[in-house]
Amino acid sequence: MKVTRVEIIFSQALEEDFMQEFADHKVGKRYTKLNNVMGAGWSNPRLGDSVWPQLNMMFIIYCDNEEADTIKLIVKKLREKYIGEGIACFISESDEV
C-alpha cells in the first residue's frame, strides 16, 4: 500500500506549536517523535554543545496525501510565524509492507 511519509525537523522550542496545530487540524495523530536531534541546515546549527546549545526534534508521520497537504500548510504557517527558527519538511512516497 502506498503512503506518504512526512519528516519535519524543527527547534525543540516549537514542539508545543506543532502539537497544537496538529490537534486543531486533526492531523499527525500517529507519529514517531525523535528528541534531541542534532544537525546543521540553513539556520544556526543545533548541536547541544557549549557553542551551539540548542537541539532539534523530528516528527515522522505516515499518512495519506490529504493529511500531508494539511501538514504542509501548518509548516508554512509556522515558518512565517517563526522566521528565525529552522523548520525543515520533507515529503516522499513510501510503501507499507
PDB file of N, CA and C in Angstrom:
ATOM      1  N   MET A   1       0.849  -1.185   0.000  1.00  0.00           N
ATOM      2  CA  MET A   1       0.000   0.000   0.000  1.00  0.00           C
ATOM      3  C   MET A   1       0.886   1.236   0.000  1.00  0.00           C
ATOM      4  N   LYS A   2       0.569   2.196  -0.832  1.00  0.00           N
ATOM      5  CA  LYS A   2       1.310   3.460  -0.905  1.00  0.00           C
ATOM      6  C   LYS A   2       0.836   4.403   0.190  1.00  0.00           C
ATOM      7  N   VAL A   3       1.797   5.017   0.873  1.00  0.00           N
ATOM      8  CA  VAL A   3       1.514   6.034   1.887  1.00  0.00           C
ATOM      9  C   VAL A   3       2.465   7.201   1.678  1.00  0.00           C
ATOM     10  N   THR A   4       2.159   8.314   2.289  1.00  0.00           N
ATOM     11  CA  THR A   4       3.017   9.491   2.214  1.00  0.00           C
ATOM     12  C   THR A   4       3.800   9.612   3.516  1.00  0.00           C
ATOM     13  N   ARG A   5       5.107   9.811   3.381  1.00  0.00           N
ATOM     14  CA  ARG A   5       5.984   9.990   4.548  1.00  0.00           C
ATOM     15  C   ARG A   5       6.298  11.476   4.674  1.00  0.00           C
ATOM     16  N   VAL A   6       6.040  12.027   5.841  1.00  0.00           N
ATOM     17  CA  VAL A   6       6.337  13.427   6.130  1.00  0.00           C
ATOM     18  C   VAL A   6       7.359  13.464   7.252  1.00  0.00           C
ATOM     19  N   GLU A   7       8.488  14.118   7.012  1.00  0.00           N
ATOM     20  CA  GLU A   7       9.510  14.318   8.039  1.00  0.00           C
ATOM     21  C   GLU A   7       9.582  15.811   8.323  1.00  0.00           C
ATOM     22  N   ILE A   8       9.470  16.170   9.581  1.00  0.00           N
ATOM     23  CA  ILE A   8       9.568  17.573   9.981  1.00  0.00           C
ATOM     24  C   ILE A   8      10.670  17.674  11.029  1.00  0.00           C
ATOM     25  N   ILE A   9      11.648  18.528  10.775  1.00  0.00           N
ATOM     26  CA  ILE A   9      12.751  18.762  11.711  1.00  0.00           C
ATOM     27  C   ILE A   9      12.669  20.227  12.133  1.00  0.00           C
ATOM     28  N   PHE A  10      12.669  20.480  13.435  1.00  0.00           N
ATOM     29  CA  PHE A  10      12.461  21.844  13.917  1.00  0.00           C
ATOM     30  C   PHE A  10      13.057  22.005  15.311  1.00  0.00           C
ATOM     31  N   SER A  11      13.248  23.239  15.717  1.00  0.00           N
ATOM     32  CA  SER A  11      13.760  23.561  17.048  1.00  0.00           C
ATOM     33  C   SER A  11      12.816  23.030  18.123  1.00  0.00           C
ATOM     34  N   GLN A  12      13.386  22.481  19.191  1.00  0.00           N
ATOM     35  CA  GLN A  12      12.576  21.969  20.300  1.00  0.00           C
ATOM     36  C   GLN A  12      11.616  23.017  20.849  1.00  0.00           C
ATOM     37  N   ALA A  13      11.976  24.272  20.727  1.00  0.00           N
ATOM     38  CA  ALA A  13      11.137  25.353  21.245  1.00  0.00           C
ATOM     39  C   ALA A  13       9.768  25.408  20.558  1.00  0.00           C
ATOM     40  N   LEU A  14       9.632  24.778  19.395  1.00  0.00           N
ATOM     41  CA  LEU A  14       8.385  24.852  18.636  1.00  0.00           C
ATOM     42  C   LEU A  14       7.484  23.634  18.820  1.00  0.00           C
ATOM     43  N   GLU A  15       7.867  22.712  19.667  1.00  0.00           N
ATOM     44  CA  GLU A  15       7.077  21.483  19.814  1.00  0.00           C
ATOM     45  C   GLU A  15       5.620  21.771  20.177  1.00  0.00           C
ATOM     46  N   GLU A  16       5.407  22.634  21.155  1.00  0.00           N
ATOM     47  CA  GLU A  16       4.046  22.948  21.577  1.00  0.00           C
ATOM     48  C   GLU A  16       3.207  23.507  20.435  1.00  0.00           C
ATOM     49  N   ASP A  17       3.822  24.376  19.635  1.00  0.00           N
ATOM     50  CA  ASP A  17       3.108  24.966  18.497  1.00  0.00           C
ATOM     51  C   ASP A  17       2.698  23.895  17.486  1.00  0.00           C
ATOM     52  N   PHE A  18       3.610  22.989  17.176  1.00  0.00           N
ATOM     53  CA  PHE A  18       3.282  21.914  16.237  1.00  0.00           C
ATOM     54  C   PHE A  18       2.180  21.023  16.791  1.00  0.00           C
ATOM     55  N   MET A  19       2.297  20.624  18.046  1.00  0.00           N
ATOM     56  CA  MET A  19       1.284  19.746  18.637  1.00  0.00           C
ATOM     57  C   MET A  19      -0.093  20.419  18.666  1.00  0.00           C
ATOM     58  N   GLN A  20      -0.129  21.720  18.952  1.00  0.00           N
ATOM     59  CA  GLN A  20      -1.404  22.435  18.963  1.00  0.00           C
ATOM     60  C   GLN A  20      -2.004  22.516  17.564  1.00  0.00           C
ATOM     61  N   GLU A  21      -1.177  22.826  16.572  1.00  0.00           N
ATOM     62  CA  GLU A  21      -1.651  22.887  15.182  1.00  0.00           C
ATOM     63  C   GLU A  21      -2.145  21.517  14.709  1.00  0.00           C
ATOM     64  N   PHE A  22      -1.413  20.457  15.064  1.00  0.00           N
ATOM     65  CA  PHE A  22      -1.858  19.111  14.688  1.00  0.00           C
ATOM     66  C   PHE A  22      -3.226  18.823  15.305  1.00  0.00           C
ATOM     67  N   ALA A  23      -3.402  19.157  16.582  1.00  0.00           N
ATOM     68  CA  ALA A  23      -4.681  18.915  17.258  1.00  0.00           C
ATOM     69  C   ALA A  23      -5.799  19.745  16.635  1.00  0.00           C
ATOM     70  N   ASP A  24      -5.515  21.021  16.365  1.00  0.00           N
ATOM     71  CA  ASP A  24      -6.534  21.903  15.785  1.00  0.00           C
ATOM     72  C   ASP A  24      -7.005  21.415  14.417  1.00  0.00           C
ATOM     73  N   HIS A  25      -6.085  20.840  13.636  1.00  0.00           N
ATOM     74  CA  HIS A  25      -6.416  20.385  12.275  1.00  0.00           C
ATOM     75  C   HIS A  25      -6.668  18.887  12.195  1.00  0.00           C
ATOM     76  N   LYS A  26      -6.613  18.218  13.347  1.00  0.00           N
ATOM     77  CA  LYS A  26      -6.870  16.774  13.429  1.00  0.00           C
ATOM     78  C   LYS A  26      -5.976  15.978  12.476  1.00  0.00           C
ATOM     79  N   VAL A  27      -4.672  16.285  12.520  1.00  0.00           N
ATOM     80  CA  VAL A  27      -3.675  15.562  11.733  1.00  0.00           C
ATOM     81  C   VAL A  27      -2.528  15.133  12.658  1.00  0.00           C
ATOM     82  N   GLY A  28      -1.656  14.295  12.150  1.00  0.00           N
ATOM     83  CA  GLY A  28      -0.492  13.892  12.927  1.00  0.00           C
ATOM     84  C   GLY A  28      -0.823  13.104  14.179  1.00  0.00           C
ATOM     85  N   LYS A  29      -1.937  12.370  14.142  1.00  0.00           N
ATOM     86  CA  LYS A  29      -2.332  11.601  15.329  1.00  0.00           C
ATOM     87  C   LYS A  29      -1.424  10.394  15.545  1.00  0.00           C
ATOM     88  N   ARG A  30      -0.874   9.867  14.453  1.00  0.00           N
ATOM     89  CA  ARG A  30       0.056   8.739  14.541  1.00  0.00           C
ATOM     90  C   ARG A  30       1.398   9.226  14.018  1.00  0.00           C
ATOM     91  N   TYR A  31       2.386   9.219  14.882  1.00  0.00           N
ATOM     92  CA  TYR A  31       3.689   9.783  14.520  1.00  0.00           C
ATOM     93  C   TYR A  31       4.794   9.100  15.304  1.00  0.00           C
ATOM     94  N   THR A  32       6.002   9.292  14.838  1.00  0.00           N
ATOM     95  CA  THR A  32       7.197   8.935  15.585  1.00  0.00           C
ATOM     96  C   THR A  32       7.897  10.243  15.916  1.00  0.00           C
ATOM     97  N   LYS A  33       8.253  10.430  17.185  1.00  0.00           N
ATOM     98  CA  LYS A  33       8.909  11.658  17.623  1.00  0.00           C
ATOM     99  C   LYS A  33      10.312  11.322  18.094  1.00  0.00           C
ATOM    100  N   LEU A  34      11.290  12.024  17.544  1.00  0.00           N
ATOM    101  CA  LEU A  34      12.680  11.855  17.949  1.00  0.00           C
ATOM    102  C   LEU A  34      13.117  13.124  18.673  1.00  0.00           C
ATOM    103  N   ASN A  35      13.545  12.976  19.902  1.00  0.00           N
ATOM    104  CA  ASN A  35      14.032  14.111  20.695  1.00  0.00           C
ATOM    105  C   ASN A  35      15.538  14.258  20.523  1.00  0.00           C
ATOM    106  N   ASN A  36      16.043  15.417  20.888  1.00  0.00           N
ATOM    107  CA  ASN A  36      17.481  15.685  20.911  1.00  0.00           C
ATOM    108  C   ASN A  36      18.172  15.373  19.586  1.00  0.00           C
ATOM    109  N   VAL A  37      17.581  15.876  18.519  1.00  0.00           N
ATOM    110  CA  VAL A  37      18.134  15.686  17.181  1.00  0.00           C
ATOM    111  C   VAL A  37      19.156  16.788  16.925  1.00  0.00           C
ATOM    112  N   MET A  38      20.352  16.395  16.522  1.00  0.00           N
ATOM    113  CA  MET A  38      21.423  17.355  16.237  1.00  0.00           C
ATOM    114  C   MET A  38      21.615  17.477  14.735  1.00  0.00           C
ATOM    115  N   GLY A  39      22.056  18.656  14.302  1.00  0.00           N
ATOM    116  CA  GLY A  39      22.360  18.820  12.889  1.00  0.00           C
ATOM    117  C   GLY A  39      22.572  20.270  12.515  1.00  0.00           C
ATOM    118  N   ALA A  40      22.905  20.448  11.252  1.00  0.00           N
ATOM    119  CA  ALA A  40      23.116  21.781  10.687  1.00  0.00           C
ATOM    120  C   ALA A  40      22.383  21.849   9.367  1.00  0.00           C
ATOM    121  N   GLY A  41      21.593  22.893   9.216  1.00  0.00           N
ATOM    122  CA  GLY A  41      20.849  23.110   7.978  1.00  0.00           C
ATOM    123  C   GLY A  41      21.053  24.536   7.528  1.00  0.00           C
ATOM    124  N   TRP A  42      19.966  25.192   7.155  1.00  0.00           N
ATOM    125  CA  TRP A  42      20.036  26.566   6.655  1.00  0.00           C
ATOM    126  C   TRP A  42      20.038  27.595   7.768  1.00  0.00           C
ATOM    127  N   SER A  43      19.655  27.205   8.980  1.00  0.00           N
ATOM    128  CA  SER A  43      19.710  28.129  10.124  1.00  0.00           C
ATOM    129  C   SER A  43      20.927  27.758  10.973  1.00  0.00           C
ATOM    130  N   ASN A  44      21.022  28.319  12.162  1.00  0.00           N
ATOM    131  CA  ASN A  44      22.144  28.006  13.047  1.00  0.00           C
ATOM    132  C   ASN A  44      22.176  26.512  13.378  1.00  0.00           C
ATOM    133  N   PRO A  45      23.373  25.954  13.515  1.00  0.00           N
ATOM    134  CA  PRO A  45      23.467  24.541  13.907  1.00  0.00           C
ATOM    135  C   PRO A  45      22.791  24.308  15.254  1.00  0.00           C
ATOM    136  N   ARG A  46      22.286  23.115  15.436  1.00  0.00           N
ATOM    137  CA  ARG A  46      21.690  22.688  16.697  1.00  0.00           C
ATOM    138  C   ARG A  46      22.469  21.448  17.124  1.00  0.00           C
ATOM    139  N   LEU A  47      23.457  21.644  18.004  1.00  0.00           N
ATOM    140  CA  LEU A  47      24.361  20.557  18.348  1.00  0.00           C
ATOM    141  C   LEU A  47      24.363  20.186  19.818  1.00  0.00           C
ATOM    142  N   GLY A  48      23.643  20.934  20.650  1.00  0.00           N
ATOM    143  CA  GLY A  48      23.562  20.603  22.065  1.00  0.00           C
ATOM    144  C   GLY A  48      24.883  20.713  22.806  1.00  0.00           C
ATOM    145  N   ASP A  49      25.782  21.547  22.299  1.00  0.00           N
ATOM    146  CA  ASP A  49      27.069  21.719  22.983  1.00  0.00           C
ATOM    147  C   ASP A  49      27.197  23.152  23.501  1.00  0.00           C
ATOM    148  N   SER A  50      28.363  23.519  24.022  1.00  0.00           N
ATOM    149  CA  SER A  50      28.526  24.843  24.615  1.00  0.00           C
ATOM    150  C   SER A  50      28.531  25.957  23.575  1.00  0.00           C
ATOM    151  N   VAL A  51      28.867  25.645  22.343  1.00  0.00           N
ATOM    152  CA  VAL A  51      28.868  26.654  21.284  1.00  0.00           C
ATOM    153  C   VAL A  51      27.480  26.789  20.656  1.00  0.00           C
ATOM    154  N   TRP A  52      26.852  25.666  20.331  1.00  0.00           N
ATOM    155  CA  TRP A  52      25.511  25.627  19.725  1.00  0.00           C
ATOM    156  C   TRP A  52      24.607  24.798  20.636  1.00  0.00           C
ATOM    157  N   PRO A  53      24.089  25.409  21.724  1.00  0.00           N
ATOM    158  CA  PRO A  53      23.411  24.639  22.763  1.00  0.00           C
ATOM    159  C   PRO A  53      22.013  24.112  22.406  1.00  0.00           C
ATOM    160  N   GLN A  54      21.365  24.678  21.433  1.00  0.00           N
ATOM    161  CA  GLN A  54      20.003  24.235  21.132  1.00  0.00           C
ATOM    162  C   GLN A  54      19.999  22.887  20.425  1.00  0.00           C
ATOM    163  N   LEU A  55      18.847  22.215  20.500  1.00  0.00           N
ATOM    164  CA  LEU A  55      18.640  20.938  19.824  1.00  0.00           C
ATOM    165  C   LEU A  55      17.360  20.988  19.013  1.00  0.00           C
ATOM    166  N   ASN A  56      17.252  20.094  18.068  1.00  0.00           N
ATOM    167  CA  ASN A  56      16.048  19.953  17.254  1.00  0.00           C
ATOM    168  C   ASN A  56      15.227  18.771  17.731  1.00  0.00           C
ATOM    169  N   MET A  57      14.053  18.655  17.136  1.00  0.00           N
ATOM    170  CA  MET A  57      13.185  17.486  17.266  1.00  0.00           C
ATOM    171  C   MET A  57      12.835  17.053  15.853  1.00  0.00           C
ATOM    172  N   MET A  58      12.315  15.861  15.744  1.00  0.00           N
ATOM    173  CA  MET A  58      11.888  15.384  14.435  1.00  0.00           C
ATOM    174  C   MET A  58      10.617  14.569  14.587  1.00  0.00           C
ATOM    175  N   PHE A  59       9.672  14.837  13.716  1.00  0.00           N
ATOM    176  CA  PHE A  59       8.469  14.018  13.606  1.00  0.00           C
ATOM    177  C   PHE A  59       8.535  13.269  12.286  1.00  0.00           C
ATOM    178  N   ILE A  60       8.187  12.005  12.315  1.00  0.00           N
ATOM    179  CA  ILE A  60       7.993  11.216  11.108  1.00  0.00           C
ATOM    180  C   ILE A  60       6.538  10.768  11.137  1.00  0.00           C
ATOM    181  N   ILE A  61       5.818  11.116  10.088  1.00  0.00           N
ATOM    182  CA  ILE A  61       4.389  10.823  10.023  1.00  0.00           C
ATOM    183  C   ILE A  61       4.105  10.110   8.705  1.00  0.00           C
ATOM    184  N   TYR A  62       3.419   8.982   8.783  1.00  0.00           N
ATOM    185  CA  TYR A  62       2.944   8.280   7.591  1.00  0.00           C
ATOM    186  C   TYR A  62       1.449   8.525   7.500  1.00  0.00           C
ATOM    187  N   CYS A  63       1.006   9.019   6.340  1.00  0.00           N
ATOM    188  CA  CYS A  63      -0.390   9.423   6.207  1.00  0.00           C
ATOM    189  C   CYS A  63      -0.806   9.377   4.739  1.00  0.00           C
ATOM    190  N   ASP A  64      -2.033   9.830   4.460  1.00  0.00           N
ATOM    191  CA  ASP A  64      -2.470   9.945   3.075  1.00  0.00           C
ATOM    192  C   ASP A  64      -2.112  11.338   2.539  1.00  0.00           C
ATOM    193  N   ASN A  65      -2.310  11.547   1.253  1.00  0.00           N
ATOM    194  CA  ASN A  65      -1.930  12.821   0.622  1.00  0.00           C
ATOM    195  C   ASN A  65      -2.685  14.010   1.198  1.00  0.00           C
ATOM    196  N   GLU A  66      -3.941  13.810   1.536  1.00  0.00           N
ATOM    197  CA  GLU A  66      -4.749  14.908   2.081  1.00  0.00           C
ATOM    198  C   GLU A  66      -4.181  15.393   3.416  1.00  0.00           C
ATOM    199  N   GLU A  67      -3.828  14.461   4.283  1.00  0.00           N
ATOM    200  CA  GLU A  67      -3.240  14.836   5.576  1.00  0.00           C
ATOM    201  C   GLU A  67      -1.877  15.502   5.371  1.00  0.00           C
ATOM    202  N   ALA A  68      -1.091  14.983   4.418  1.00  0.00           N
ATOM    203  CA  ALA A  68       0.216  15.585   4.122  1.00  0.00           C
ATOM    204  C   ALA A  68       0.054  17.025   3.646  1.00  0.00           C
ATOM    205  N   ASP A  69      -0.973  17.290   2.837  1.00  0.00           N
ATOM    206  CA  ASP A  69      -1.217  18.662   2.370  1.00  0.00           C
ATOM    207  C   ASP A  69      -1.545  19.589   3.538  1.00  0.00           C
ATOM    208  N   THR A  70      -2.320  19.117   4.492  1.00  0.00           N
ATOM    209  CA  THR A  70      -2.638  19.919   5.680  1.00  0.00           C
ATOM    210  C   THR A  70      -1.386  20.181   6.501  1.00  0.00           C
ATOM    211  N   ILE A  71      -0.547  19.165   6.658  1.00  0.00           N
ATOM    212  CA  ILE A  71       0.696  19.335   7.412  1.00  0.00           C
ATOM    213  C   ILE A  71       1.605  20.346   6.713  1.00  0.00           C
ATOM    214  N   LYS A  72       1.640  20.320   5.374  1.00  0.00           N
ATOM    215  CA  LYS A  72       2.426  21.315   4.631  1.00  0.00           C
ATOM    216  C   LYS A  72       1.964  22.729   4.961  1.00  0.00           C
ATOM    217  N   LEU A  73       0.657  22.940   5.045  1.00  0.00           N
ATOM    218  CA  LEU A  73       0.119  24.263   5.384  1.00  0.00           C
ATOM    219  C   LEU A  73       0.528  24.675   6.799  1.00  0.00           C
ATOM    220  N   ILE A  74       0.536  23.724   7.725  1.00  0.00           N
ATOM    221  CA  ILE A  74       0.965  24.014   9.097  1.00  0.00           C
ATOM    222  C   ILE A  74       2.431  24.425   9.105  1.00  0.00           C
ATOM    223  N   VAL A  75       3.264  23.697   8.371  1.00  0.00           N
ATOM    224  CA  VAL A  75       4.689  24.024   8.301  1.00  0.00           C
ATOM    225  C   VAL A  75       4.879  25.434   7.745  1.00  0.00           C
ATOM    226  N   LYS A  76       4.177  25.761   6.674  1.00  0.00           N
ATOM    227  CA  LYS A  76       4.282  27.103   6.082  1.00  0.00           C
ATOM    228  C   LYS A  76       3.861  28.181   7.075  1.00  0.00           C
ATOM    229  N   LYS A  77       2.762  27.919   7.804  1.00  0.00           N
ATOM    230  CA  LYS A  77       2.271  28.884   8.792  1.00  0.00           C
ATOM    231  C   LYS A  77       3.313  29.126   9.880  1.00  0.00           C
ATOM    232  N   LEU A  78       3.904  28.059  10.400  1.00  0.00           N
ATOM    233  CA  LEU A  78       4.881  28.207  11.483  1.00  0.00           C
ATOM    234  C   LEU A  78       6.197  28.799  10.981  1.00  0.00           C
ATOM    235  N   ARG A  79       6.556  28.540   9.730  1.00  0.00           N
ATOM    236  CA  ARG A  79       7.746  29.190   9.158  1.00  0.00           C
ATOM    237  C   ARG A  79       7.557  30.704   9.084  1.00  0.00           C
ATOM    238  N   GLU A  80       6.340  31.129   8.729  1.00  0.00           N
ATOM    239  CA  GLU A  80       6.053  32.570   8.664  1.00  0.00           C
ATOM    240  C   GLU A  80       6.038  33.189  10.057  1.00  0.00           C
ATOM    241  N   LYS A  81       5.535  32.449  11.030  1.00  0.00           N
ATOM    242  CA  LYS A  81       5.441  32.959  12.397  1.00  0.00           C
ATOM    243  C   LYS A  81       6.812  33.016  13.074  1.00  0.00           C
ATOM    244  N   TYR A  82       7.654  32.019  12.811  1.00  0.00           N
ATOM    245  CA  TYR A  82       8.973  31.913  13.447  1.00  0.00           C
ATOM    246  C   TYR A  82      10.059  31.975  12.375  1.00  0.00           C
ATOM    247  N   ILE A  83      10.237  33.142  11.815  1.00  0.00           N
ATOM    248  CA  ILE A  83      11.147  33.330  10.687  1.00  0.00           C
ATOM    249  C   ILE A  83      12.575  32.923  11.023  1.00  0.00           C
ATOM    250  N   GLY A  84      13.059  33.205  12.217  1.00  0.00           N
ATOM    251  CA  GLY A  84      14.440  32.913  12.581  1.00  0.00           C
ATOM    252  C   GLY A  84      14.712  31.466  12.963  1.00  0.00           C
ATOM    253  N   GLU A  85      13.666  30.679  13.153  1.00  0.00           N
ATOM    254  CA  GLU A  85      13.834  29.276  13.544  1.00  0.00           C
ATOM    255  C   GLU A  85      13.909  28.400  12.297  1.00  0.00           C
ATOM    256  N   GLY A  86      14.738  27.400  12.354  1.00  0.00           N
ATOM    257  CA  GLY A  86      14.807  26.460  11.242  1.00  0.00           C
ATOM    258  C   GLY A  86      13.680  25.444  11.334  1.00  0.00           C
ATOM    259  N   ILE A  87      12.932  25.307  10.245  1.00  0.00           N
ATOM    260  CA  ILE A  87      11.892  24.283  10.150  1.00  0.00           C
ATOM    261  C   ILE A  87      12.070  23.619   8.785  1.00  0.00           C
ATOM    262  N   ALA A  88      12.422  22.348   8.788  1.00  0.00           N
ATOM    263  CA  ALA A  88      12.596  21.607   7.542  1.00  0.00           C
ATOM    264  C   ALA A  88      11.468  20.590   7.418  1.00  0.00           C
ATOM    265  N   CYS A  89      10.983  20.402   6.207  1.00  0.00           N
ATOM    266  CA  CYS A  89       9.923  19.431   5.963  1.00  0.00           C
ATOM    267  C   CYS A  89      10.229  18.704   4.661  1.00  0.00           C
ATOM    268  N   PHE A  90      10.172  17.384   4.711  1.00  0.00           N
ATOM    269  CA  PHE A  90      10.428  16.552   3.545  1.00  0.00           C
ATOM    270  C   PHE A  90       9.268  15.587   3.377  1.00  0.00           C
ATOM    271  N   ILE A  91       8.773  15.482   2.156  1.00  0.00           N
ATOM    272  CA  ILE A  91       7.631  14.621   1.879  1.00  0.00           C
ATOM    273  C   ILE A  91       8.011  13.670   0.752  1.00  0.00           C
ATOM    274  N   SER A  92       7.718  12.397   0.956  1.00  0.00           N
ATOM    275  CA  SER A  92       8.025  11.397  -0.055  1.00  0.00           C
ATOM    276  C   SER A  92       6.975  10.293  -0.026  1.00  0.00           C
ATOM    277  N   GLU A  93       6.966   9.500  -1.068  1.00  0.00           N
ATOM    278  CA  GLU A  93       6.053   8.373  -1.143  1.00  0.00           C
ATOM    279  C   GLU A  93       6.750   7.143  -0.581  1.00  0.00           C
ATOM    280  N   SER A  94       6.007   6.329   0.146  1.00  0.00           N
ATOM    281  CA  SER A  94       6.561   5.116   0.752  1.00  0.00           C
ATOM    282  C   SER A  94       5.637   3.952   0.497  1.00  0.00           C
ATOM    283  N   ASP A  95       6.181   2.767   0.647  1.00  0.00           N
ATOM    284  CA  ASP A  95       5.396   1.544   0.550  1.00  0.00           C
ATOM    285  C   ASP A  95       5.286   0.933   1.935  1.00  0.00           C
ATOM    286  N   GLU A  96       4.067   0.638   2.350  1.00  0.00           N
ATOM    287  CA  GLU A  96       3.866  -0.092   3.595  1.00  0.00           C
ATOM    288  C   GLU A  96       3.852  -1.567   3.249  1.00  0.00           C
ATOM    289  N   VAL A  97       4.664  -2.329   3.947  1.00  0.00           N
ATOM    290  CA  VAL A  97       4.736  -3.767   3.637  1.00  0.00           C
ATOM    291  C   VAL A  97       4.293  -4.604   4.811  1.00  0.00           C
TER     292      VAL A  97
END
